[in-house]
Amino acid sequence: MNLSKNTILITGGAAGIGFELARQLCRRGNKVIITGRDQAKLDSALTQLPDVTIIKSDAGEIRDIETLHQRIVRDFPELNVLINNAGIMRDINFHKDERSLEDLTREIEINLCGPIRLTKKFLPQLKARPEAAIVNVSSGLAFVPLPISPIYCATKAALHSFTQSLRVQLKNTKVKVFELAPPATDTPLLRHGNPSDLKGVSIMSVEAMVTAAMKGFEKDNFEIRPGQANQLKFMSRLAPEFILKQLSRSVDRMLAS
């Protein structure tokens, strides 16, 4: 994958991994558009990256996706890279949680339905370009779930499966399909949880994680698993019960409380 002179759309690009992807891709001479749900965060990102274009858009809302698609087709017909990065992660206790049924599946709408719908909308535009790519940002937790966040992990496992199928379906097109599965990365998404749940976990800096991703893109490594994400996939095959037990400690503490 060529990492310069592209026009790139990054969902969830105002903070965390999405912002760092935007920062490093801007440095390489790309035109970058970022989306997000929070206008204040988008404005802050723009002050730090004045060359990006910001668009308020929620990846979990069909109307927002339709409106976003119309604007990109109109203003950025040369778009050739879609990075499906937007996502949320929540601790959900099915014993005690009293969320509404609609709110309970919000992660599915953003983390899984969002990339599927965005891919469907933008694929004709991407297929028309001489070179194009779709990058789906999953997680090391796609391979082994963290039971304290059951719906988040389920969405990432499903996104991993969807990406594999999409790659096969598009193999005879000019659209390359990548999966970036980050390990525990120092971002606002990670910091929302209980610090005790991360005891013994090696946390990767967002700069190092995205730098590793860039190297993978350049080499056309279609499944990029930086740091401990690679170990999680290996352990999910070698010792699945052991690694699941290790990641279940947070639930054990919750049930004991």
Protein backbone atom coordinates (compact mmCIF):
# COMPACT_ATOMS: atom_id res chain seq x y z
CA MET A 1 0.00 0.00 0.00
CA ASN A 2 1.33 3.37 -1.01
CA LEU A 3 1.23 5.72 2.00
CA SER A 4 1.50 9.07 0.24
CA LYS A 5 -0.68 11.18 -2.09
CA ASN A 6 -3.88 9.43 -1.01
CA THR A 7 -7.22 10.90 0.01
CA ILE A 8 -8.15 9.14 3.25
CA LEU A 9 -11.31 9.06 5.36
CA ILE A 10 -10.79 8.08 9.01
CA THR A 11 -13.86 7.55 11.18
CA GLY A 12 -13.36 8.32 14.87
CA GLY A 13 -10.32 10.40 13.97
CA ALA A 14 -10.53 13.10 16.64
CA ALA A 15 -8.73 11.17 19.37
CA GLY A 16 -6.76 8.04 20.17
CA ILE A 17 -5.68 5.69 17.40
CA GLY A 18 -7.70 7.55 14.76
CA PHE A 19 -6.02 10.86 15.58
CA GLU A 20 -2.55 9.31 15.53
CA LEU A 21 -3.30 7.66 12.18
CA ALA A 22 -4.36 11.07 10.87
CA ARG A 23 -1.23 12.71 12.24
CA GLN A 24 1.19 10.21 10.72
CA LEU A 25 -0.66 10.07 7.40
CA CYS A 26 -0.71 13.88 7.13
CA ARG A 27 3.05 13.87 7.60
CA ARG A 28 3.37 11.58 4.59
CA GLY A 29 1.61 14.00 2.26
CA ASN A 30 -1.92 12.61 2.26
CA LYS A 31 -5.21 14.49 2.24
CA VAL A 32 -7.01 13.35 5.39
CA ILE A 33 -10.66 13.69 6.40
CA ILE A 34 -11.64 12.75 9.95
CA THR A 35 -15.07 12.21 11.43
CA GLY A 36 -16.38 12.01 14.97
CA ARG A 37 -19.47 12.50 17.10
CA ASP A 38 -18.04 15.24 19.33
CA GLN A 39 -17.62 18.65 17.67
CA ALA A 40 -15.37 19.94 20.46
CA LYS A 41 -12.96 17.03 19.96
CA LEU A 42 -13.01 17.59 16.21
CA ASP A 43 -12.23 21.27 16.69
CA SER A 44 -9.35 20.37 19.01
CA ALA A 45 -7.98 17.92 16.46
CA LEU A 46 -8.13 20.61 13.79
CA THR A 47 -6.06 23.01 15.90
CA GLN A 48 -3.37 20.32 16.14
CA LEU A 49 -3.67 19.13 12.54
CA PRO A 50 -4.69 22.20 10.51
CA ASP A 51 -4.41 20.35 7.21
CA VAL A 52 -7.18 17.84 7.97
CA THR A 53 -10.83 18.25 7.08
CA ILE A 54 -13.25 17.60 9.95
CA ILE A 55 -16.82 16.35 9.55
CA LYS A 56 -19.18 15.68 12.43
CA SER A 57 -20.67 12.24 11.78
CA ASP A 58 -21.72 9.25 13.89
CA ALA A 59 -20.67 5.89 12.45
CA GLY A 60 -23.54 4.27 14.31
CA GLU A 61 -26.25 6.31 12.60
CA ILE A 62 -27.47 5.41 9.10
CA ARG A 63 -28.57 8.96 8.31
CA ASP A 64 -25.13 10.30 9.22
CA ILE A 65 -23.48 7.74 6.96
CA GLU A 66 -25.75 8.69 4.06
CA THR A 67 -25.00 12.40 4.57
CA LEU A 68 -21.27 11.75 4.93
CA HIS A 69 -21.24 9.71 1.73
CA GLN A 70 -22.99 12.47 -0.21
CA ARG A 71 -20.48 15.06 0.97
CA ILE A 72 -17.42 12.89 0.25
CA VAL A 73 -18.63 12.03 -3.26
CA ARG A 74 -19.24 15.72 -3.92
CA ASP A 75 -16.14 17.26 -2.31
CA PHE A 76 -13.60 14.41 -2.39
CA PRO A 77 -14.30 12.25 -5.46
CA GLU A 78 -10.66 11.14 -5.39
CA LEU A 79 -11.13 9.31 -2.05
CA ASN A 80 -9.24 6.03 -2.23
CA VAL A 81 -8.71 4.91 1.39
CA LEU A 82 -11.39 4.23 4.01
CA ILE A 83 -10.24 3.58 7.59
CA ASN A 84 -13.07 2.24 9.76
CA ASN A 85 -11.71 3.18 13.17
CA ALA A 86 -14.67 4.58 15.14
CA GLY A 87 -15.56 2.49 18.16
CA ILE A 88 -16.72 2.48 21.76
CA MET A 89 -15.90 0.08 24.59
CA ARG A 90 -17.98 -0.36 27.74
CA ASP A 91 -17.90 -2.59 30.80
CA ILE A 92 -21.29 -4.31 30.95
CA ASN A 93 -22.42 -6.53 33.83
CA PHE A 94 -25.37 -8.61 32.71
CA HIS A 95 -26.16 -9.42 36.36
CA LYS A 96 -26.76 -5.81 37.33
CA ASP A 97 -26.79 -3.58 34.24
CA GLU A 98 -30.09 -1.79 33.68
CA ARG A 99 -29.41 -0.26 30.26
CA SER A 100 -32.27 -0.10 27.80
CA LEU A 101 -32.28 -2.70 25.04
CA GLU A 102 -31.48 0.05 22.53
CA ASP A 103 -28.49 1.32 24.50
CA LEU A 104 -27.27 -2.20 25.25
CA THR A 105 -26.41 -2.81 21.59
CA ARG A 106 -24.91 0.61 20.87
CA GLU A 107 -21.45 -0.94 20.46
CA ILE A 108 -22.82 -3.19 17.73
CA GLU A 109 -24.19 -0.20 15.81
CA ILE A 110 -20.91 1.75 15.97
CA ASN A 111 -18.22 -0.95 16.01
CA LEU A 112 -19.72 -3.46 13.59
CA CYS A 113 -22.68 -2.05 11.66
CA GLY A 114 -20.76 1.18 11.08
CA PRO A 115 -17.85 -0.42 9.17
CA ILE A 116 -20.23 -2.69 7.24
CA ARG A 117 -22.47 0.18 6.16
CA LEU A 118 -19.57 2.53 5.38
CA THR A 119 -17.89 -0.15 3.30
CA LYS A 120 -21.09 -0.75 1.36
CA LYS A 121 -21.59 2.97 0.65
CA PHE A 122 -18.01 3.80 -0.33
CA LEU A 123 -17.05 0.63 -2.18
CA PRO A 124 -18.19 1.82 -5.63
CA GLN A 125 -16.09 4.98 -5.25
CA LEU A 126 -13.07 3.00 -4.03
CA LYS A 127 -13.35 0.45 -6.84
CA ALA A 128 -13.19 3.27 -9.38
CA ARG A 129 -9.76 4.42 -8.18
CA PRO A 130 -6.49 3.05 -9.65
CA GLU A 131 -5.38 2.02 -6.14
CA ALA A 132 -7.57 1.80 -3.05
CA ALA A 133 -7.75 0.29 0.40
CA ILE A 134 -10.13 -0.42 3.26
CA VAL A 135 -8.69 -0.66 6.77
CA ASN A 136 -10.87 -2.13 9.51
CA VAL A 137 -9.57 -1.47 13.02
CA SER A 138 -10.49 -4.44 15.19
CA SER A 139 -8.61 -5.42 18.36
CA GLY A 140 -6.42 -8.08 19.91
CA LEU A 141 -9.62 -8.88 21.81
CA ALA A 142 -11.09 -10.15 18.54
CA PHE A 143 -9.16 -13.36 19.23
CA VAL A 144 -9.78 -13.74 22.98
CA PRO A 145 -12.59 -11.89 24.76
CA LEU A 146 -12.20 -9.71 27.82
CA PRO A 147 -15.39 -10.85 29.59
CA ILE A 148 -15.92 -7.55 31.42
CA SER A 149 -16.62 -5.98 27.98
CA PRO A 150 -18.61 -8.75 26.29
CA ILE A 151 -20.34 -6.77 23.55
CA TYR A 152 -17.24 -4.82 22.54
CA CYS A 153 -15.26 -8.05 22.16
CA ALA A 154 -18.07 -9.69 20.21
CA THR A 155 -18.12 -6.78 17.75
CA LYS A 156 -14.39 -7.01 17.21
CA ALA A 157 -14.50 -10.77 16.66
CA ALA A 158 -17.29 -10.22 14.13
CA LEU A 159 -15.36 -7.41 12.43
CA HIS A 160 -12.36 -9.74 12.12
CA SER A 161 -14.55 -12.34 10.42
CA PHE A 162 -16.20 -9.75 8.17
CA THR A 163 -12.80 -8.41 7.09
CA GLN A 164 -11.59 -11.88 6.14
CA SER A 165 -14.66 -12.45 3.98
CA LEU A 166 -14.46 -9.00 2.41
CA ARG A 167 -10.82 -9.56 1.50
CA VAL A 168 -11.76 -12.73 -0.38
CA GLN A 169 -14.66 -11.05 -2.16
CA LEU A 170 -12.51 -8.13 -3.32
CA LYS A 171 -9.40 -10.11 -4.26
CA ASN A 172 -9.95 -9.48 -7.99
CA THR A 173 -10.44 -5.73 -7.56
CA LYS A 174 -7.99 -2.90 -6.95
CA VAL A 175 -9.19 -2.54 -3.34
CA LYS A 176 -6.85 -3.97 -0.72
CA VAL A 177 -8.46 -4.99 2.57
CA PHE A 178 -6.47 -4.61 5.77
CA GLU A 179 -7.23 -5.43 9.38
CA LEU A 180 -5.41 -3.57 12.14
CA ALA A 181 -5.81 -5.38 15.47
CA PRO A 182 -4.26 -3.15 18.16
CA PRO A 183 -3.13 -4.50 21.52
CA ALA A 184 -3.87 -2.60 24.74
CA THR A 185 -2.94 0.91 23.60
CA ASP A 186 -2.61 4.09 25.64
CA THR A 187 -5.71 5.93 24.42
CA PRO A 188 -8.82 7.47 26.05
CA LEU A 189 -10.70 4.26 25.16
CA LEU A 190 -8.38 2.22 27.38
CA ARG A 191 -8.25 4.73 30.23
CA HIS A 192 -12.00 4.60 30.84
CA GLY A 193 -11.78 1.23 32.61
CA ASN A 194 -10.64 -0.03 35.99
CA PRO A 195 -6.83 0.16 36.25
CA SER A 196 -6.80 -3.14 38.16
CA ASP A 197 -8.13 -4.89 35.04
CA LEU A 198 -4.86 -4.01 33.28
CA LYS A 199 -2.55 -5.40 35.93
CA GLY A 200 0.28 -7.26 34.21
CA VAL A 201 -0.76 -6.05 30.75
CA SER A 202 1.86 -4.40 28.56
CA ILE A 203 0.35 -1.17 27.26
CA MET A 204 1.69 0.11 23.94
CA SER A 205 2.00 3.81 23.21
CA VAL A 206 -0.32 4.99 20.47
CA GLU A 207 2.64 6.41 18.51
CA ALA A 208 4.46 3.07 18.53
CA MET A 209 1.31 1.14 17.65
CA VAL A 210 0.48 3.33 14.65
CA THR A 211 4.12 3.33 13.50
CA ALA A 212 3.98 -0.48 13.49
CA ALA A 213 0.72 -0.31 11.56
CA MET A 214 2.29 1.95 8.94
CA LYS A 215 5.07 -0.57 8.37
CA GLY A 216 2.47 -3.29 7.93
CA PHE A 217 0.51 -1.24 5.41
CA GLU A 218 3.63 -0.55 3.38
CA LYS A 219 4.47 -4.27 3.26
CA ASP A 220 0.88 -5.25 2.38
CA ASN A 221 0.54 -7.29 5.55
CA PHE A 222 -3.22 -7.62 5.46
CA GLU A 223 -3.64 -8.67 9.11
CA ILE A 224 -1.52 -6.41 11.29
CA ARG A 225 -1.22 -7.42 14.96
CA PRO A 226 1.26 -5.17 16.80
CA GLY A 227 2.68 -6.07 20.20
CA GLN A 228 0.62 -8.35 22.43
CA ALA A 229 -2.20 -8.59 19.90
CA ASN A 230 -0.06 -11.12 18.04
CA GLN A 231 0.42 -13.08 21.28
CA LEU A 232 -3.32 -13.09 21.92
CA LYS A 233 -4.01 -14.67 18.55
CA PHE A 234 -1.27 -17.25 19.11
CA MET A 235 -2.50 -18.09 22.62
CA SER A 236 -6.12 -18.33 21.42
CA ARG A 237 -4.98 -21.31 19.35
CA LEU A 238 -2.34 -22.80 21.62
CA ALA A 239 -4.05 -22.49 25.02
CA PRO A 240 -7.51 -20.96 24.64
CA GLU A 241 -8.82 -21.93 28.08
CA PHE A 242 -5.73 -20.58 29.84
CA ILE A 243 -5.75 -17.19 28.13
CA LEU A 244 -9.51 -16.78 28.64
CA LYS A 245 -9.05 -17.51 32.34
CA GLN A 246 -6.35 -14.85 32.53
CA LEU A 247 -8.64 -12.27 30.96
CA SER A 248 -11.55 -13.28 33.20
CA ARG A 249 -10.02 -11.97 36.41
CA SER A 250 -11.89 -8.66 36.17
CA VAL A 251 -15.22 -10.53 36.05
CA ASP A 252 -14.20 -12.68 39.00
CA ARG A 253 -13.54 -9.53 41.04
CA MET A 254 -16.86 -8.08 39.95
CA LEU A 255 -18.80 -11.19 41.01
CA ALA A 256 -16.99 -11.27 44.35
CA SER A 257 -17.91 -7.65 45.16
